């Protein structure tokens, strides 16, 4: 909405929107890839370790997710 409000043309608005969003989206994609690459279990020992460590990782992951979901848009700031 800010980009459409502040840009003279729709093309400029969409370019500004992409420029503003790209760093945050790329960080989320990197995080998802890191987490996704850890899903495979290599054997019974790794499975045992994962099951014992999972509560710790869930707490740590919740803190990271809280930062991602706490993102707020400053509607008063200029987009361009």
N, C-alpha and C. Protein backbone atom coordinates (compact mmCIF):
# COMPACT_ATOMS: atom_id res chain seq x y z
N UNK A 1 0.82 -1.19 0.00
CA UNK A 1 0.00 0.00 0.00
C UNK A 1 0.87 1.27 0.00
N UNK A 2 1.94 1.26 0.82
CA UNK A 2 2.82 2.43 0.85
C UNK A 2 3.42 2.68 -0.52
N UNK A 3 3.82 1.60 -1.19
CA UNK A 3 4.46 1.77 -2.49
C UNK A 3 3.49 2.35 -3.51
N UNK A 4 2.26 1.87 -3.50
CA UNK A 4 1.26 2.43 -4.41
C UNK A 4 0.93 3.87 -4.05
N UNK A 5 0.92 4.16 -2.77
CA UNK A 5 0.63 5.53 -2.32
C UNK A 5 1.73 6.49 -2.75
N UNK A 6 2.99 6.06 -2.66
CA UNK A 6 4.12 6.97 -2.84
C UNK A 6 4.68 7.03 -4.26
N UNK A 7 4.34 6.09 -5.11
CA UNK A 7 4.92 6.06 -6.46
C UNK A 7 3.94 6.69 -7.45
N UNK A 8 4.52 7.31 -8.46
CA UNK A 8 3.70 7.96 -9.48
C UNK A 8 3.09 6.94 -10.44
N UNK A 9 3.80 5.85 -10.71
CA UNK A 9 3.37 4.84 -11.67
C UNK A 9 3.35 3.46 -11.00
N UNK A 10 2.47 2.58 -11.43
CA UNK A 10 2.43 1.22 -10.85
C UNK A 10 3.76 0.48 -10.98
N UNK A 11 4.45 0.67 -12.10
CA UNK A 11 5.74 -0.01 -12.29
C UNK A 11 6.74 0.42 -11.21
N UNK A 12 6.75 1.69 -10.90
CA UNK A 12 7.63 2.19 -9.83
C UNK A 12 7.22 1.62 -8.48
N UNK A 13 5.92 1.52 -8.26
CA UNK A 13 5.42 0.99 -6.99
C UNK A 13 5.86 -0.46 -6.81
N UNK A 14 5.72 -1.28 -7.86
CA UNK A 14 6.10 -2.69 -7.75
C UNK A 14 7.62 -2.85 -7.61
N UNK A 15 8.38 -2.00 -8.27
CA UNK A 15 9.84 -2.05 -8.12
C UNK A 15 10.24 -1.68 -6.69
N UNK A 16 9.60 -0.68 -6.12
CA UNK A 16 9.89 -0.28 -4.74
C UNK A 16 9.48 -1.39 -3.77
N UNK A 17 8.32 -2.01 -4.02
CA UNK A 17 7.85 -3.11 -3.18
C UNK A 17 8.86 -4.24 -3.17
N UNK A 18 9.35 -4.63 -4.35
CA UNK A 18 10.34 -5.71 -4.43
C UNK A 18 11.63 -5.32 -3.71
N UNK A 19 12.09 -4.11 -3.91
CA UNK A 19 13.32 -3.64 -3.28
C UNK A 19 13.20 -3.67 -1.75
N UNK A 20 12.05 -3.28 -1.23
CA UNK A 20 11.85 -3.26 0.21
C UNK A 20 11.70 -4.67 0.79
N UNK A 21 11.06 -5.57 0.08
CA UNK A 21 10.76 -6.90 0.58
C UNK A 21 11.89 -7.91 0.39
N UNK A 22 12.69 -7.74 -0.65
CA UNK A 22 13.67 -8.76 -1.03
C UNK A 22 14.58 -9.19 0.12
N UNK A 23 15.20 -8.29 0.88
CA UNK A 23 16.12 -8.75 1.95
C UNK A 23 15.42 -9.64 2.98
N UNK A 24 14.22 -9.28 3.38
CA UNK A 24 13.50 -10.07 4.38
C UNK A 24 13.10 -11.43 3.82
N UNK A 25 12.60 -11.45 2.59
CA UNK A 25 12.18 -12.70 1.97
C UNK A 25 13.38 -13.61 1.75
N UNK A 26 14.49 -13.08 1.30
CA UNK A 26 15.68 -13.91 1.10
C UNK A 26 16.18 -14.50 2.40
N UNK A 27 16.10 -13.75 3.49
CA UNK A 27 16.51 -14.28 4.80
C UNK A 27 15.60 -15.43 5.22
N UNK A 28 14.30 -15.31 4.98
CA UNK A 28 13.36 -16.37 5.33
C UNK A 28 13.62 -17.61 4.48
N UNK A 29 13.90 -17.44 3.20
CA UNK A 29 14.20 -18.57 2.32
C UNK A 29 15.47 -19.27 2.76
N UNK A 30 16.52 -18.51 3.11
CA UNK A 30 17.77 -19.12 3.60
C UNK A 30 17.51 -19.95 4.85
N UNK A 31 16.75 -19.40 5.76
CA UNK A 31 16.44 -20.11 7.00
C UNK A 31 15.66 -21.39 6.70
N UNK A 32 14.69 -21.33 5.81
CA UNK A 32 13.90 -22.51 5.46
C UNK A 32 14.77 -23.58 4.82
N UNK A 33 15.71 -23.19 3.97
CA UNK A 33 16.60 -24.16 3.34
C UNK A 33 17.50 -24.83 4.38
N UNK A 34 18.01 -24.04 5.32
CA UNK A 34 18.86 -24.63 6.38
C UNK A 34 18.07 -25.65 7.18
N UNK A 35 16.86 -25.30 7.55
CA UNK A 35 16.04 -26.21 8.35
C UNK A 35 15.63 -27.44 7.54
N UNK A 36 15.32 -27.25 6.28
CA UNK A 36 14.90 -28.36 5.44
C UNK A 36 16.01 -29.35 5.18
N UNK A 37 17.25 -28.89 5.11
CA UNK A 37 18.37 -29.79 4.84
C UNK A 37 18.72 -30.66 6.04
N UNK A 38 18.18 -30.36 7.20
CA UNK A 38 18.48 -31.13 8.41
C UNK A 38 17.43 -32.20 8.71
N UNK A 39 16.48 -32.41 7.83
CA UNK A 39 15.36 -33.30 8.12
C UNK A 39 15.72 -34.78 8.02
N UNK A 40 16.69 -35.16 7.20
CA UNK A 40 17.00 -36.57 6.99
C UNK A 40 17.73 -37.15 8.21
N UNK A 41 17.31 -38.34 8.63
CA UNK A 41 17.92 -39.03 9.76
C UNK A 41 18.88 -40.08 9.21
N UNK A 42 20.10 -40.10 9.73
CA UNK A 42 21.15 -40.98 9.20
C UNK A 42 21.16 -42.38 9.82
N UNK A 43 20.39 -42.61 10.86
CA UNK A 43 20.38 -43.93 11.48
C UNK A 43 19.78 -43.88 12.86
N UNK A 44 19.80 -45.02 13.57
CA UNK A 44 19.17 -45.08 14.89
C UNK A 44 19.84 -44.17 15.93
N UNK A 45 21.14 -44.01 15.87
CA UNK A 45 21.83 -43.14 16.83
C UNK A 45 21.42 -41.68 16.59
N UNK A 46 21.39 -41.28 15.34
CA UNK A 46 20.98 -39.93 15.00
C UNK A 46 19.52 -39.70 15.39
N UNK A 47 18.69 -40.72 15.21
CA UNK A 47 17.28 -40.61 15.58
C UNK A 47 17.14 -40.43 17.10
N UNK A 48 17.91 -41.20 17.87
CA UNK A 48 17.88 -41.09 19.33
C UNK A 48 18.31 -39.69 19.76
N UNK A 49 19.41 -39.19 19.17
CA UNK A 49 19.92 -37.86 19.51
C UNK A 49 18.89 -36.79 19.16
N UNK A 50 18.30 -36.91 17.97
CA UNK A 50 17.30 -35.93 17.54
C UNK A 50 16.13 -35.88 18.53
N UNK A 51 15.67 -37.05 18.94
CA UNK A 51 14.53 -37.09 19.86
C UNK A 51 14.86 -36.47 21.21
N UNK A 52 16.10 -36.59 21.67
CA UNK A 52 16.51 -36.00 22.95
C UNK A 52 16.75 -34.50 22.83
N UNK A 53 17.23 -34.05 21.68
CA UNK A 53 17.57 -32.64 21.50
C UNK A 53 16.40 -31.81 20.98
N UNK A 54 15.35 -32.46 20.49
CA UNK A 54 14.25 -31.74 19.87
C UNK A 54 13.62 -30.67 20.76
N UNK A 55 13.37 -30.93 22.05
CA UNK A 55 12.78 -29.86 22.88
C UNK A 55 13.63 -28.59 22.90
N UNK A 56 14.95 -28.73 22.98
CA UNK A 56 15.83 -27.56 22.97
C UNK A 56 15.72 -26.82 21.64
N UNK A 57 15.78 -27.57 20.54
CA UNK A 57 15.71 -26.94 19.23
C UNK A 57 14.37 -26.25 18.99
N UNK A 58 13.31 -26.83 19.53
CA UNK A 58 12.00 -26.19 19.37
C UNK A 58 11.94 -24.85 20.10
N UNK A 59 12.54 -24.80 21.29
CA UNK A 59 12.56 -23.53 22.02
C UNK A 59 13.39 -22.49 21.29
N UNK A 60 14.56 -22.90 20.79
CA UNK A 60 15.40 -21.96 20.04
C UNK A 60 14.71 -21.51 18.76
N UNK A 61 14.06 -22.44 18.07
CA UNK A 61 13.36 -22.11 16.84
C UNK A 61 12.21 -21.16 17.08
N UNK A 62 11.54 -21.31 18.22
CA UNK A 62 10.43 -20.41 18.54
C UNK A 62 10.92 -18.97 18.65
N UNK A 63 12.11 -18.79 19.22
CA UNK A 63 12.66 -17.43 19.35
C UNK A 63 12.95 -16.83 17.97
N UNK A 64 13.49 -17.63 17.08
CA UNK A 64 13.78 -17.15 15.72
C UNK A 64 12.48 -16.83 15.00
N UNK A 65 11.50 -17.71 15.11
CA UNK A 65 10.22 -17.48 14.45
C UNK A 65 9.53 -16.24 15.00
N UNK A 66 9.69 -15.98 16.28
CA UNK A 66 9.07 -14.80 16.88
C UNK A 66 9.58 -13.53 16.19
N UNK A 67 10.88 -13.50 15.87
CA UNK A 67 11.44 -12.33 15.18
C UNK A 67 10.84 -12.20 13.78
N UNK A 68 10.66 -13.33 13.10
CA UNK A 68 10.11 -13.30 11.74
C UNK A 68 8.68 -12.79 11.77
N UNK A 69 7.88 -13.29 12.70
CA UNK A 69 6.47 -12.93 12.74
C UNK A 69 6.22 -11.60 13.44
N UNK A 70 7.21 -11.05 14.09
CA UNK A 70 7.05 -9.77 14.78
C UNK A 70 7.26 -8.58 13.83
N UNK A 71 7.56 -8.85 12.58
CA UNK A 71 7.80 -7.79 11.60
C UNK A 71 6.56 -6.90 11.48
N UNK A 72 6.78 -5.63 11.54
CA UNK A 72 5.68 -4.66 11.40
C UNK A 72 6.05 -3.62 10.35
N UNK A 73 5.07 -3.18 9.63
CA UNK A 73 5.26 -2.18 8.58
C UNK A 73 5.02 -0.80 9.18
N UNK A 74 5.94 0.10 8.91
CA UNK A 74 5.77 1.50 9.32
C UNK A 74 4.98 2.19 8.20
N UNK A 75 3.69 2.31 8.39
CA UNK A 75 2.82 2.84 7.35
C UNK A 75 3.05 4.32 7.08
N UNK A 76 3.64 5.01 8.02
CA UNK A 76 3.88 6.44 7.82
C UNK A 76 5.15 6.71 7.02
N UNK A 77 6.08 5.75 6.97
CA UNK A 77 7.35 5.94 6.26
C UNK A 77 7.11 5.99 4.76
N UNK A 78 7.94 6.75 4.08
CA UNK A 78 7.85 6.84 2.62
C UNK A 78 8.46 5.58 2.03
N UNK A 79 7.89 5.04 0.98
CA UNK A 79 8.37 3.82 0.34
C UNK A 79 9.49 4.10 -0.65
N UNK A 80 9.48 5.25 -1.25
CA UNK A 80 10.47 5.53 -2.29
C UNK A 80 11.57 6.42 -1.80
